[in-house]
Amino acid sequence: MILPIVGFGHPSLRVRAEDITPDYPKLAELIENMFETMYHAHGVGLAAPQVNLPIRIFVADGSPMDGTFEGEEMEGWKKVFINPQIVEENGDLWAYEEGCLSIPDVREMVKRPEEVTLRYMNEEFEEKTETFKGMQARIIQHEYDHLEGVLFTDHISQMRRRMNKGRLNKISKGEINAGYPMKFPRK
């Protein structure tokens, strides 16, 4: 089932999400719905707060970005991250133009560390600790931010935020056609 994605300004995007337990109701169905929603919206990641759920889970599939960066394998990189915690971020900051399904039609250069080590539970609630690099690290950091109530626009300069203010205001009012179901805070 395709879930509506909340738009910029929606309060759920600014709440720090809570951990869940293995008995979370209909968890497998939620994961399936999140992937379906993400694919329908042509995204590579989706966090629960984006579908109005204040829980610590996000899904990612970097396959559409395979071949974008030389030497980085993204084909088949499909993962579920439950109750993730960043253990460490390393490497140089590198800039890349990011967008967000909750903020359609806005893209900005964001600097992030090139490597992240994450402790998380997979969909079977098995604990994992893994280090991710490059685009995988970027996707993880972007989605992890959603669990902390942070948006990619928080990482850009004050000047760039002012330049995007009109577009962000229109998104919060629902004055945009994203091509997928959305909920807006001021519509």
N, C-alpha and C. Protein backbone atom coordinates (compact mmCIF):
# COMPACT_ATOMS: atom_id res chain seq x y z
N MET A 1 0.84 -1.18 0.00
CA MET A 1 0.00 0.00 0.00
C MET A 1 0.89 1.24 0.00
N ILE A 2 0.58 2.16 -0.86
CA ILE A 2 1.34 3.41 -0.93
C ILE A 2 0.82 4.35 0.16
N LEU A 3 1.74 4.82 0.97
CA LEU A 3 1.42 5.70 2.08
C LEU A 3 1.63 7.15 1.67
N PRO A 4 0.84 8.09 2.18
CA PRO A 4 1.10 9.50 1.88
C PRO A 4 2.36 9.98 2.60
N ILE A 5 3.16 10.74 1.90
CA ILE A 5 4.39 11.31 2.45
C ILE A 5 4.07 12.71 2.95
N VAL A 6 4.51 13.02 4.17
CA VAL A 6 4.23 14.35 4.72
C VAL A 6 5.19 15.37 4.11
N GLY A 7 4.67 16.57 3.88
CA GLY A 7 5.44 17.63 3.26
C GLY A 7 6.11 18.55 4.25
N PHE A 8 7.04 19.32 3.75
CA PHE A 8 7.79 20.29 4.54
C PHE A 8 6.85 21.09 5.44
N GLY A 9 7.24 21.26 6.69
CA GLY A 9 6.43 22.00 7.65
C GLY A 9 5.56 21.11 8.51
N HIS A 10 5.39 19.85 8.12
CA HIS A 10 4.58 18.92 8.91
C HIS A 10 5.32 18.64 10.22
N PRO A 11 4.62 18.69 11.36
CA PRO A 11 5.29 18.51 12.66
C PRO A 11 6.03 17.19 12.82
N SER A 12 5.58 16.12 12.17
CA SER A 12 6.25 14.83 12.35
C SER A 12 7.68 14.83 11.83
N LEU A 13 8.01 15.78 10.94
CA LEU A 13 9.37 15.86 10.40
C LEU A 13 10.35 16.47 11.39
N ARG A 14 9.85 17.03 12.49
CA ARG A 14 10.72 17.70 13.47
C ARG A 14 10.75 17.00 14.82
N VAL A 15 10.18 15.80 14.90
CA VAL A 15 10.14 15.04 16.15
C VAL A 15 11.25 14.00 16.14
N ARG A 16 11.95 13.85 17.28
CA ARG A 16 12.93 12.78 17.39
C ARG A 16 12.17 11.47 17.56
N ALA A 17 12.38 10.53 16.65
CA ALA A 17 11.65 9.26 16.63
C ALA A 17 12.09 8.36 17.79
N GLU A 18 11.19 7.44 18.15
CA GLU A 18 11.40 6.52 19.26
C GLU A 18 11.73 5.11 18.76
N ASP A 19 12.55 4.41 19.54
CA ASP A 19 12.87 3.01 19.23
C ASP A 19 11.60 2.16 19.25
N ILE A 20 11.65 1.05 18.51
CA ILE A 20 10.55 0.09 18.52
C ILE A 20 11.07 -1.26 18.99
N THR A 21 10.15 -2.16 19.30
CA THR A 21 10.48 -3.52 19.73
C THR A 21 10.06 -4.50 18.64
N PRO A 22 10.53 -5.74 18.71
CA PRO A 22 10.18 -6.72 17.67
C PRO A 22 8.68 -6.98 17.55
N ASP A 23 7.91 -6.66 18.60
CA ASP A 23 6.47 -6.90 18.53
C ASP A 23 5.69 -5.68 18.04
N TYR A 24 6.39 -4.74 17.41
CA TYR A 24 5.70 -3.58 16.85
C TYR A 24 4.61 -4.08 15.89
N PRO A 25 3.38 -3.58 16.03
CA PRO A 25 2.26 -4.09 15.23
C PRO A 25 2.50 -3.99 13.72
N LYS A 26 2.30 -5.10 13.05
CA LYS A 26 2.36 -5.18 11.58
C LYS A 26 3.66 -4.61 11.01
N LEU A 27 4.79 -4.92 11.65
CA LEU A 27 6.08 -4.39 11.22
C LEU A 27 6.43 -4.81 9.79
N ALA A 28 6.25 -6.08 9.47
CA ALA A 28 6.57 -6.56 8.12
C ALA A 28 5.73 -5.83 7.07
N GLU A 29 4.47 -5.61 7.38
CA GLU A 29 3.59 -4.89 6.45
C GLU A 29 4.04 -3.44 6.30
N LEU A 30 4.44 -2.81 7.41
CA LEU A 30 4.93 -1.43 7.35
C LEU A 30 6.16 -1.34 6.47
N ILE A 31 7.11 -2.27 6.66
CA ILE A 31 8.34 -2.26 5.85
C ILE A 31 7.99 -2.40 4.37
N GLU A 32 7.11 -3.32 4.05
CA GLU A 32 6.69 -3.52 2.66
C GLU A 32 6.05 -2.25 2.10
N ASN A 33 5.19 -1.63 2.90
CA ASN A 33 4.52 -0.40 2.46
C ASN A 33 5.51 0.76 2.28
N MET A 34 6.50 0.82 3.15
CA MET A 34 7.50 1.88 3.02
C MET A 34 8.31 1.71 1.73
N PHE A 35 8.71 0.48 1.43
CA PHE A 35 9.43 0.25 0.17
C PHE A 35 8.53 0.60 -1.03
N GLU A 36 7.28 0.15 -1.00
CA GLU A 36 6.36 0.44 -2.10
C GLU A 36 6.18 1.94 -2.28
N THR A 37 6.03 2.66 -1.18
CA THR A 37 5.88 4.12 -1.21
C THR A 37 7.13 4.78 -1.80
N MET A 38 8.30 4.35 -1.32
CA MET A 38 9.56 4.90 -1.79
C MET A 38 9.73 4.67 -3.30
N TYR A 39 9.46 3.45 -3.77
CA TYR A 39 9.60 3.16 -5.19
C TYR A 39 8.62 3.98 -6.02
N HIS A 40 7.37 4.10 -5.54
CA HIS A 40 6.35 4.85 -6.27
C HIS A 40 6.78 6.31 -6.43
N ALA A 41 7.47 6.85 -5.41
CA ALA A 41 7.91 8.25 -5.44
C ALA A 41 9.29 8.41 -6.08
N HIS A 42 9.88 7.32 -6.56
CA HIS A 42 11.19 7.33 -7.20
C HIS A 42 12.30 7.80 -6.25
N GLY A 43 12.22 7.37 -4.99
CA GLY A 43 13.23 7.70 -4.01
C GLY A 43 14.22 6.57 -3.81
N VAL A 44 15.28 6.84 -3.07
CA VAL A 44 16.27 5.82 -2.72
C VAL A 44 16.29 5.57 -1.22
N GLY A 45 15.48 6.32 -0.47
CA GLY A 45 15.37 6.14 0.97
C GLY A 45 14.08 6.75 1.46
N LEU A 46 13.56 6.20 2.57
CA LEU A 46 12.34 6.72 3.18
C LEU A 46 12.37 6.38 4.66
N ALA A 47 12.15 7.40 5.49
CA ALA A 47 12.13 7.23 6.94
C ALA A 47 10.69 7.30 7.45
N ALA A 48 10.43 6.56 8.54
CA ALA A 48 9.08 6.51 9.10
C ALA A 48 8.48 7.88 9.39
N PRO A 49 9.23 8.86 9.92
CA PRO A 49 8.62 10.17 10.14
C PRO A 49 8.05 10.80 8.86
N GLN A 50 8.57 10.41 7.71
CA GLN A 50 8.07 10.94 6.44
C GLN A 50 6.69 10.39 6.09
N VAL A 51 6.30 9.28 6.74
CA VAL A 51 4.95 8.74 6.55
C VAL A 51 4.15 8.89 7.85
N ASN A 52 4.55 9.92 8.62
CA ASN A 52 3.84 10.34 9.82
C ASN A 52 3.88 9.31 10.95
N LEU A 53 4.98 8.58 11.06
CA LEU A 53 5.16 7.63 12.15
C LEU A 53 6.43 8.02 12.92
N PRO A 54 6.32 8.32 14.22
CA PRO A 54 7.48 8.78 14.99
C PRO A 54 8.34 7.64 15.53
N ILE A 55 8.70 6.72 14.65
CA ILE A 55 9.49 5.55 15.07
C ILE A 55 10.80 5.49 14.30
N ARG A 56 11.79 4.81 14.90
CA ARG A 56 13.15 4.77 14.35
C ARG A 56 13.31 3.61 13.36
N ILE A 57 12.86 3.86 12.16
CA ILE A 57 13.04 2.90 11.07
C ILE A 57 13.14 3.66 9.76
N PHE A 58 14.07 3.20 8.91
CA PHE A 58 14.08 3.70 7.54
C PHE A 58 14.48 2.59 6.60
N VAL A 59 14.08 2.75 5.35
CA VAL A 59 14.40 1.78 4.31
C VAL A 59 15.24 2.50 3.25
N ALA A 60 16.05 1.74 2.55
CA ALA A 60 16.89 2.31 1.50
C ALA A 60 17.12 1.28 0.40
N ASP A 61 17.20 1.76 -0.81
CA ASP A 61 17.57 0.93 -1.96
C ASP A 61 18.33 1.83 -2.93
N GLY A 62 19.63 1.64 -2.98
CA GLY A 62 20.47 2.48 -3.83
C GLY A 62 20.57 2.02 -5.26
N SER A 63 19.87 0.95 -5.64
CA SER A 63 19.96 0.41 -7.00
C SER A 63 19.79 1.45 -8.10
N PRO A 64 18.84 2.40 -7.97
CA PRO A 64 18.71 3.39 -9.05
C PRO A 64 19.96 4.25 -9.26
N MET A 65 20.86 4.28 -8.27
CA MET A 65 22.06 5.09 -8.38
C MET A 65 23.28 4.28 -8.81
N ASP A 66 23.08 3.00 -9.12
CA ASP A 66 24.20 2.17 -9.53
C ASP A 66 24.85 2.76 -10.77
N GLY A 67 26.15 2.85 -10.76
CA GLY A 67 26.89 3.41 -11.88
C GLY A 67 27.09 4.91 -11.80
N THR A 68 26.49 5.55 -10.79
CA THR A 68 26.64 7.00 -10.63
C THR A 68 28.06 7.37 -10.26
N PHE A 69 28.66 6.54 -9.39
CA PHE A 69 30.02 6.80 -8.92
C PHE A 69 30.90 5.61 -9.26
N GLU A 70 31.99 5.90 -9.92
CA GLU A 70 32.92 4.85 -10.33
C GLU A 70 33.41 4.06 -9.13
N GLY A 71 33.33 2.73 -9.24
CA GLY A 71 33.83 1.86 -8.19
C GLY A 71 32.87 1.64 -7.04
N GLU A 72 31.69 2.25 -7.08
CA GLU A 72 30.73 2.08 -5.99
C GLU A 72 29.55 1.23 -6.47
N GLU A 73 29.40 0.07 -5.89
CA GLU A 73 28.35 -0.87 -6.25
C GLU A 73 27.08 -0.55 -5.46
N MET A 74 26.02 -0.20 -6.17
CA MET A 74 24.74 0.09 -5.53
C MET A 74 23.66 -0.91 -5.92
N GLU A 75 23.87 -1.63 -7.01
CA GLU A 75 22.88 -2.60 -7.47
C GLU A 75 22.66 -3.65 -6.38
N GLY A 76 21.41 -3.85 -6.00
CA GLY A 76 21.08 -4.84 -4.99
C GLY A 76 21.29 -4.38 -3.56
N TRP A 77 21.68 -3.10 -3.37
CA TRP A 77 21.87 -2.57 -2.02
C TRP A 77 20.52 -2.09 -1.51
N LYS A 78 19.80 -3.02 -0.91
CA LYS A 78 18.45 -2.76 -0.38
C LYS A 78 18.47 -3.17 1.08
N LYS A 79 18.14 -2.22 1.98
CA LYS A 79 18.27 -2.49 3.40
C LYS A 79 17.15 -1.87 4.21
N VAL A 80 16.93 -2.48 5.38
CA VAL A 80 16.01 -1.97 6.39
C VAL A 80 16.86 -1.65 7.62
N PHE A 81 16.66 -0.48 8.19
CA PHE A 81 17.41 -0.05 9.37
C PHE A 81 16.41 0.26 10.48
N ILE A 82 16.45 -0.53 11.54
CA ILE A 82 15.56 -0.35 12.68
C ILE A 82 16.39 0.07 13.89
N ASN A 83 15.91 1.07 14.61
CA ASN A 83 16.58 1.61 15.80
C ASN A 83 18.06 1.92 15.55
N PRO A 84 18.39 2.56 14.43
CA PRO A 84 19.80 2.82 14.13
C PRO A 84 20.41 3.86 15.06
N GLN A 85 21.71 3.69 15.28
CA GLN A 85 22.50 4.66 16.03
C GLN A 85 23.82 4.85 15.28
N ILE A 86 24.18 6.08 15.02
CA ILE A 86 25.48 6.34 14.40
C ILE A 86 26.56 6.13 15.46
N VAL A 87 27.50 5.24 15.15
CA VAL A 87 28.61 4.95 16.04
C VAL A 87 29.74 5.93 15.78
N GLU A 88 29.97 6.20 14.47
CA GLU A 88 31.09 7.05 14.10
C GLU A 88 30.90 7.56 12.67
N GLU A 89 31.36 8.78 12.44
CA GLU A 89 31.43 9.35 11.09
C GLU A 89 32.88 9.72 10.83
N ASN A 90 33.37 9.36 9.66
CA ASN A 90 34.78 9.59 9.33
C ASN A 90 34.92 10.13 7.92
N GLY A 91 36.14 10.59 7.64
CA GLY A 91 36.48 11.01 6.29
C GLY A 91 36.19 12.47 6.05
N ASP A 92 36.61 12.89 4.89
CA ASP A 92 36.41 14.28 4.48
C ASP A 92 34.94 14.54 4.22
N LEU A 93 34.53 15.79 4.40
CA LEU A 93 33.19 16.20 4.01
C LEU A 93 33.17 16.30 2.49
N TRP A 94 32.14 15.80 1.87
CA TRP A 94 32.00 15.95 0.43
C TRP A 94 30.59 16.42 0.10
N ALA A 95 30.54 17.30 -0.87
CA ALA A 95 29.28 17.93 -1.26
C ALA A 95 28.61 17.12 -2.36
N TYR A 96 27.29 17.05 -2.26
CA TYR A 96 26.49 16.39 -3.29
C TYR A 96 25.10 17.01 -3.24
N GLU A 97 24.47 17.13 -4.38
CA GLU A 97 23.14 17.72 -4.44
C GLU A 97 22.10 16.72 -3.94
N GLU A 98 21.43 17.08 -2.84
CA GLU A 98 20.41 16.22 -2.25
C GLU A 98 19.02 16.78 -2.48
N GLY A 99 18.07 15.88 -2.49
CA GLY A 99 16.66 16.22 -2.51
C GLY A 99 15.97 15.36 -1.47
N CYS A 100 14.67 15.51 -1.34
CA CYS A 100 13.93 14.79 -0.31
C CYS A 100 12.49 14.62 -0.77
N LEU A 101 11.93 13.44 -0.54
CA LEU A 101 10.55 13.19 -0.94
C LEU A 101 9.57 14.08 -0.18
N SER A 102 9.94 14.54 1.00
CA SER A 102 9.08 15.45 1.77
C SER A 102 9.24 16.90 1.34
N ILE A 103 10.25 17.16 0.51
CA ILE A 103 10.52 18.53 0.04
C ILE A 103 10.70 18.48 -1.48
N PRO A 104 9.64 18.09 -2.20
CA PRO A 104 9.79 17.94 -3.65
C PRO A 104 10.16 19.27 -4.32
N ASP A 105 10.91 19.17 -5.38
CA ASP A 105 11.27 20.32 -6.21
C ASP A 105 12.31 21.24 -5.57
N VAL A 106 12.97 20.78 -4.49
CA VAL A 106 14.06 21.55 -3.89
C VAL A 106 15.27 20.63 -3.82
N ARG A 107 16.37 21.08 -4.37
CA ARG A 107 17.63 20.33 -4.33
C ARG A 107 18.73 21.31 -3.95
N GLU A 108 19.62 20.86 -3.07
CA GLU A 108 20.71 21.72 -2.62
C GLU A 108 21.96 20.88 -2.35
N MET A 109 23.11 21.54 -2.47
CA MET A 109 24.37 20.89 -2.15
C MET A 109 24.49 20.76 -0.63
N VAL A 110 24.78 19.54 -0.18
CA VAL A 110 24.93 19.26 1.25
C VAL A 110 26.27 18.56 1.44
N LYS A 111 27.01 19.00 2.45
CA LYS A 111 28.29 18.36 2.77
C LYS A 111 28.06 17.36 3.90
N ARG A 112 28.57 16.15 3.69
CA ARG A 112 28.47 15.09 4.70
C ARG A 112 29.79 14.32 4.73
N PRO A 113 30.12 13.69 5.88
CA PRO A 113 31.31 12.83 5.94
C PRO A 113 31.18 11.67 4.96
N GLU A 114 32.30 11.22 4.42
CA GLU A 114 32.27 10.19 3.38
C GLU A 114 32.05 8.78 3.94
N GLU A 115 32.07 8.63 5.26
CA GLU A 115 31.94 7.28 5.84
C GLU A 115 31.14 7.36 7.15
N VAL A 116 30.28 6.37 7.36
CA VAL A 116 29.49 6.30 8.59
C VAL A 116 29.44 4.85 9.07
N THR A 117 29.63 4.66 10.38
CA THR A 117 29.46 3.35 11.00
C THR A 117 28.15 3.40 11.78
N LEU A 118 27.31 2.42 11.52
CA LEU A 118 25.96 2.39 12.06
C LEU A 118 25.71 1.07 12.79
N ARG A 119 25.11 1.18 13.98
CA ARG A 119 24.61 0.00 14.68
C ARG A 119 23.09 0.03 14.53
N TYR A 120 22.49 -1.08 14.11
CA TYR A 120 21.06 -1.11 13.84
C TYR A 120 20.54 -2.54 13.93
N MET A 121 19.24 -2.67 13.87
CA MET A 121 18.59 -3.98 13.76
C MET A 121 18.08 -4.10 12.32
N ASN A 122 18.20 -5.31 11.77
CA ASN A 122 17.62 -5.53 10.44
C ASN A 122 16.15 -5.93 10.62
N GLU A 123 15.49 -6.31 9.53
CA GLU A 123 14.06 -6.63 9.62
C GLU A 123 13.76 -7.86 10.46
N GLU A 124 14.76 -8.70 10.72
CA GLU A 124 14.59 -9.86 11.60
C GLU A 124 14.98 -9.53 13.04
N PHE A 125 15.27 -8.26 13.29
CA PHE A 125 15.72 -7.76 14.59
C PHE A 125 17.04 -8.40 15.02
N GLU A 126 17.90 -8.65 14.03
CA GLU A 126 19.27 -9.08 14.31
C GLU A 126 20.13 -7.82 14.37
N GLU A 127 20.95 -7.71 15.42
CA GLU A 127 21.79 -6.52 15.55
C GLU A 127 22.96 -6.58 14.58
N LYS A 128 23.21 -5.47 13.94
CA LYS A 128 24.30 -5.34 12.97
C LYS A 128 25.09 -4.08 13.28
N THR A 129 26.38 -4.12 13.02
CA THR A 129 27.22 -2.92 13.02
C THR A 129 28.01 -2.96 11.73
N GLU A 130 27.80 -1.94 10.90
CA GLU A 130 28.44 -1.91 9.59
C GLU A 130 28.96 -0.50 9.29
N THR A 131 29.99 -0.46 8.47
CA THR A 131 30.52 0.81 7.99
C THR A 131 30.14 0.96 6.53
N PHE A 132 29.62 2.11 6.18
CA PHE A 132 29.18 2.41 4.82
C PHE A 132 29.97 3.61 4.32
N LYS A 133 30.24 3.61 3.02
CA LYS A 133 31.02 4.69 2.41
C LYS A 133 30.28 5.28 1.24
N GLY A 134 30.72 6.46 0.83
CA GLY A 134 30.22 7.09 -0.38
C GLY A 134 28.73 7.34 -0.36
N MET A 135 28.07 6.96 -1.47
CA MET A 135 26.64 7.23 -1.61
C MET A 135 25.81 6.45 -0.60
N GLN A 136 26.23 5.23 -0.25
CA GLN A 136 25.50 4.49 0.79
C GLN A 136 25.52 5.27 2.10
N ALA A 137 26.68 5.80 2.46
CA ALA A 137 26.80 6.60 3.69
C ALA A 137 25.91 7.84 3.61
N ARG A 138 25.88 8.49 2.46
CA ARG A 138 25.07 9.70 2.29
C ARG A 138 23.59 9.38 2.46
N ILE A 139 23.11 8.32 1.82
CA ILE A 139 21.70 7.95 1.94
C ILE A 139 21.37 7.67 3.41
N ILE A 140 22.23 6.92 4.07
CA ILE A 140 22.01 6.59 5.48
C ILE A 140 21.98 7.85 6.34
N GLN A 141 22.93 8.75 6.14
CA GLN A 141 22.98 9.97 6.94
C GLN A 141 21.74 10.84 6.71
N HIS A 142 21.28 10.92 5.47
CA HIS A 142 20.09 11.70 5.14
C HIS A 142 18.87 11.11 5.85
N GLU A 143 18.68 9.80 5.74
CA GLU A 143 17.51 9.16 6.36
C GLU A 143 17.62 9.16 7.89
N TYR A 144 18.82 8.97 8.40
CA TYR A 144 19.04 9.02 9.85
C TYR A 144 18.65 10.40 10.39
N ASP A 145 19.00 11.44 9.66
CA ASP A 145 18.61 12.79 10.06
C ASP A 145 17.10 12.89 10.29
N HIS A 146 16.31 12.25 9.42
CA HIS A 146 14.85 12.28 9.59
C HIS A 146 14.44 11.72 10.95
N LEU A 147 15.15 10.71 11.42
CA LEU A 147 14.82 10.10 12.72
C LEU A 147 15.16 11.04 13.88
N GLU A 148 16.02 12.01 13.60
CA GLU A 148 16.44 12.99 14.61
C GLU A 148 15.67 14.31 14.47
N GLY A 149 14.74 14.38 13.53
CA GLY A 149 13.99 15.61 13.32
C GLY A 149 14.74 16.66 12.53
N VAL A 150 15.72 16.22 11.73
CA VAL A 150 16.58 17.11 10.95
C VAL A 150 16.29 16.90 9.46
N LEU A 151 16.25 17.99 8.71
CA LEU A 151 16.05 17.94 7.27
C LEU A 151 17.31 18.37 6.54
N PHE A 152 17.46 17.97 5.28
CA PHE A 152 18.67 18.34 4.55
C PHE A 152 18.78 19.85 4.42
N THR A 153 17.67 20.56 4.44
CA THR A 153 17.72 22.02 4.35
C THR A 153 18.35 22.64 5.60
N ASP A 154 18.42 21.90 6.68
CA ASP A 154 19.09 22.40 7.89
C ASP A 154 20.61 22.45 7.70
N HIS A 155 21.12 21.74 6.71
CA HIS A 155 22.56 21.67 6.46
C HIS A 155 23.05 22.71 5.45
N ILE A 156 22.13 23.50 4.91
CA ILE A 156 22.55 24.48 3.91
C ILE A 156 22.69 25.85 4.56
N SER A 157 23.30 26.77 3.85
CA SER A 157 23.56 28.10 4.41
C SER A 157 22.26 28.87 4.62
N GLN A 158 22.35 29.84 5.50
CA GLN A 158 21.20 30.72 5.78
C GLN A 158 20.74 31.41 4.50
N MET A 159 21.69 31.81 3.67
CA MET A 159 21.35 32.47 2.42
C MET A 159 20.55 31.53 1.50
N ARG A 160 21.00 30.28 1.38
CA ARG A 160 20.29 29.32 0.53
C ARG A 160 18.90 29.01 1.09
N ARG A 161 18.76 28.99 2.42
CA ARG A 161 17.43 28.78 3.03
C ARG A 161 16.51 29.95 2.68
N ARG A 162 17.04 31.16 2.75
CA ARG A 162 16.23 32.33 2.39
C ARG A 162 15.82 32.27 0.92
N MET A 163 16.74 31.83 0.07
CA MET A 163 16.43 31.73 -1.36
C MET A 163 15.34 30.70 -1.64
N ASN A 164 15.26 29.68 -0.80
CA ASN A 164 14.25 28.62 -0.98
C ASN A 164 12.97 28.86 -0.19
N LYS A 165 12.92 29.94 0.57
CA LYS A 165 11.79 30.18 1.48
C LYS A 165 10.44 30.14 0.75
N GLY A 166 10.36 30.77 -0.38
CA GLY A 166 9.10 30.79 -1.14
C GLY A 166 8.66 29.40 -1.56
N ARG A 167 9.59 28.62 -2.08
CA ARG A 167 9.26 27.26 -2.51
C ARG A 167 8.88 26.38 -1.32
N LEU A 168 9.60 26.53 -0.20
CA LEU A 168 9.28 25.75 0.99
C LEU A 168 7.91 26.12 1.54
N ASN A 169 7.58 27.40 1.50
CA ASN A 169 6.27 27.86 1.94
C ASN A 169 5.16 27.27 1.07
N LYS A 170 5.39 27.24 -0.24
CA LYS A 170 4.40 26.65 -1.16
C LYS A 170 4.22 25.16 -0.87
N ILE A 171 5.31 24.45 -0.58
CA ILE A 171 5.21 23.03 -0.26
C ILE A 171 4.36 22.85 0.99
N SER A 172 4.62 23.64 2.02
CA SER A 172 3.87 23.49 3.27
C SER A 172 2.38 23.77 3.08
N LYS A 173 2.03 24.56 2.08
CA LYS A 173 0.62 24.85 1.78
C LYS A 173 0.02 23.83 0.81
N GLY A 174 0.84 22.92 0.30
CA GLY A 174 0.34 21.93 -0.65
C GLY A 174 0.23 22.45 -2.06
N GLU A 175 0.94 23.54 -2.35
CA GLU A 175 0.90 24.13 -3.68
C GLU A 175 1.98 23.54 -4.57
N ILE A 176 1.93 22.22 -4.68
CA ILE A 176 2.91 21.49 -5.50
C ILE A 176 2.29 20.16 -5.88
N ASN A 177 2.65 19.68 -7.06
CA ASN A 177 2.20 18.35 -7.47
C ASN A 177 3.44 17.48 -7.55
N ALA A 178 3.64 16.66 -6.54
CA ALA A 178 4.83 15.83 -6.47
C ALA A 178 4.73 14.58 -7.33
N GLY A 179 3.52 14.19 -7.72
CA GLY A 179 3.34 12.97 -8.50
C GLY A 179 3.17 11.74 -7.62
N TYR A 180 3.06 11.94 -6.32
CA TYR A 180 2.78 10.86 -5.37
C TYR A 180 1.96 11.44 -4.23
N PRO A 181 1.22 10.59 -3.50
CA PRO A 181 0.35 11.11 -2.43
C PRO A 181 1.15 11.79 -1.33
N MET A 182 0.67 12.97 -0.92
CA MET A 182 1.32 13.74 0.13
C MET A 182 0.28 14.32 1.09
N LYS A 183 0.72 14.61 2.32
CA LYS A 183 -0.06 15.35 3.31
C LYS A 183 0.70 16.63 3.61
N PHE A 184 -0.02 17.72 3.68
CA PHE A 184 0.63 19.01 3.90
C PHE A 184 0.10 19.64 5.19
N PRO A 185 0.96 20.34 5.92
CA PRO A 185 0.56 20.89 7.21
C PRO A 185 -0.44 22.03 7.13
N ARG A 186 -0.42 22.80 6.04
CA ARG A 186 -1.26 23.99 5.98
C ARG A 186 -2.28 23.93 4.85
N LYS A 187 -2.66 22.72 4.46
CA LYS A 187 -3.63 22.61 3.36
C LYS A 187 -4.98 22.29 3.94
